[in-house]
Protein backbone atom coordinates (compact mmCIF):
# COMPACT_ATOMS: atom_id res chain seq x y z
CA UNK A 1 4.55 -11.95 9.11
CA UNK A 2 1.42 -11.37 11.29
CA UNK A 3 -1.90 -11.36 9.57
CA UNK A 4 -3.57 -7.95 9.67
CA UNK A 5 -7.04 -7.88 11.47
CA UNK A 6 -7.89 -4.23 11.48
CA UNK A 7 -11.00 -2.96 9.69
CA UNK A 8 -9.33 0.40 8.85
CA UNK A 9 -8.80 0.17 5.06
CA UNK A 10 -6.07 2.97 5.06
CA UNK A 11 -4.20 1.29 7.49
CA UNK A 12 -4.42 -2.04 5.89
CA UNK A 13 -3.30 -0.26 2.50
CA UNK A 14 -0.27 1.39 4.34
CA UNK A 15 0.90 -1.90 6.09
CA UNK A 16 0.67 -3.85 2.71
CA UNK A 17 2.72 -0.83 0.90
CA UNK A 18 5.35 -0.96 3.41
CA UNK A 19 5.59 -4.67 3.23
CA UNK A 20 5.83 -4.40 -0.52
CA UNK A 21 8.83 -1.89 -0.21
CA UNK A 22 10.71 -3.77 1.97
CA UNK A 23 10.72 -6.74 -0.09
CA UNK A 24 11.52 -4.87 -3.38
CA UNK A 25 14.35 -2.78 -1.71
CA UNK A 26 15.58 -5.19 0.61
CA UNK A 27 15.15 -3.14 3.47
CA UNK A 28 14.28 -4.23 7.04
CA UNK A 29 13.16 -0.91 8.32
CA UNK A 30 9.83 -0.79 6.43
CA UNK A 31 9.03 -4.46 7.56
CA UNK A 32 9.42 -3.35 11.17
CA UNK A 33 7.43 -0.13 10.85
CA UNK A 34 4.66 -2.45 9.13
CA UNK A 35 4.73 -5.05 11.96
CA UNK A 36 4.55 -1.98 14.53
CA UNK A 37 1.53 -0.60 12.66
CA UNK A 38 -0.09 -4.09 12.45
CA UNK A 39 -0.21 -4.36 16.37
CA UNK A 40 -3.58 -3.95 18.24
CA UNK A 41 -4.62 -0.29 18.92
CA UNK A 42 -4.13 -0.67 22.83
CA UNK A 43 -0.45 -1.71 22.19
CA UNK A 44 0.07 0.88 19.42
CA UNK A 45 2.08 3.97 19.45
CA UNK A 46 1.27 7.55 20.21
CA UNK A 47 4.23 9.97 20.74
CA UNK A 48 4.26 13.43 21.84
CA UNK A 49 5.96 16.40 20.25
CA UNK A 50 8.04 16.67 23.45
CA UNK A 51 9.25 13.32 23.17
CA UNK A 52 10.46 14.13 19.68
CA UNK A 53 12.16 17.01 20.75
CA UNK A 54 13.92 15.10 23.59
CA UNK A 55 15.08 12.28 21.59
CA UNK A 56 16.10 13.77 18.33
CA UNK A 57 18.70 16.63 16.75
CA UNK A 58 18.17 19.31 14.15
CA UNK A 59 17.23 17.97 10.63
CA UNK A 60 16.72 14.26 11.57
CA UNK A 61 14.24 12.04 9.92
CA UNK A 62 11.73 10.39 12.34
CA UNK A 63 9.29 7.57 11.93
CA UNK A 64 6.39 7.38 14.32
CA UNK A 65 4.49 4.22 13.71
CA UNK A 66 1.24 5.43 14.89
CA UNK A 67 0.01 8.90 15.75
CA UNK A 68 1.85 12.07 16.54
CA UNK A 69 0.08 13.98 19.52
CA UNK A 70 0.71 18.00 20.27
CA UNK A 71 1.74 18.03 23.65
CA UNK A 72 4.92 19.78 24.39
CA UNK A 73 7.02 22.00 22.30
CA UNK A 74 9.67 21.45 19.71
CA UNK A 75 12.64 23.48 19.42
CA UNK A 76 14.40 22.40 16.15
CA UNK A 77 13.40 21.21 12.65
CA UNK A 78 12.55 17.71 12.02
CA UNK A 79 11.05 15.43 9.04
CA UNK A 80 8.53 13.27 10.70
CA UNK A 81 6.89 10.43 8.93
CA UNK A 82 3.83 8.94 10.71
CA UNK A 83 0.47 7.34 10.04
CA UNK A 84 -1.42 10.17 11.58
CA UNK A 85 -0.73 13.90 13.20
CA UNK A 86 -2.93 15.75 15.55
CA UNK A 87 -3.75 19.10 14.09
CA UNK A 88 -1.64 20.75 17.03
CA UNK A 89 1.23 18.41 16.32
CA UNK A 90 1.38 19.43 12.62
CA UNK A 91 1.24 23.00 13.56
CA UNK A 92 4.08 22.96 16.00
CA UNK A 93 6.19 20.77 13.81
CA UNK A 94 5.69 23.17 10.84
CA UNK A 95 5.97 26.22 13.15
CA UNK A 96 9.60 24.90 13.85
CA UNK A 97 10.46 24.74 9.98
CA UNK A 98 9.84 20.94 10.06
CA UNK A 99 7.99 18.63 7.61
CA UNK A 100 5.14 16.24 8.40
CA UNK A 101 5.15 13.37 5.76
CA UNK A 102 2.84 10.57 5.48
CA UNK A 103 4.45 6.97 5.53
CA UNK A 104 3.84 6.74 1.68
CA UNK A 105 5.73 9.86 0.81
CA UNK A 106 8.48 9.12 3.37
CA UNK A 107 9.18 5.79 1.67
CA UNK A 108 9.07 7.53 -1.76
CA UNK A 109 11.66 10.06 -0.56
CA UNK A 110 14.18 7.54 0.84
CA UNK A 111 13.41 4.24 -0.33
CA UNK A 112 16.46 2.55 1.38
CA UNK A 113 15.47 4.00 4.63
CA UNK A 114 18.91 5.42 5.49
CA UNK A 115 19.64 7.67 8.74
CA UNK A 116 16.08 7.22 10.03
CA UNK A 117 15.01 6.77 13.43
CA UNK A 118 12.04 5.02 14.77
CA UNK A 119 10.47 6.65 17.83
CA UNK A 120 7.53 4.84 19.32
């Protein structure tokens, strides 16, 4: 695995937590998300709400290894786990009766990572 060179202590904590959960539960999805989060910011992932609407269906669980931004509309409820949410994105997802979770909460909710999509 790559060494983390970021100075954001919260990001370092989340990446280490995801790696640990990947080892403990023998699940590759958390390792993949940790690798995507440890990439440089210029390569990082920012996903608009419109993309979530386009590539998902009702009641799916989605991971965004980066930040969810508020551009666009969403027409169905989703459970979205991400490192960060803009305030407009959080409002739009919750208005569509969806849930916004941190990556820690999503791992605790589904440690095996079954039926989860990665978008970003």
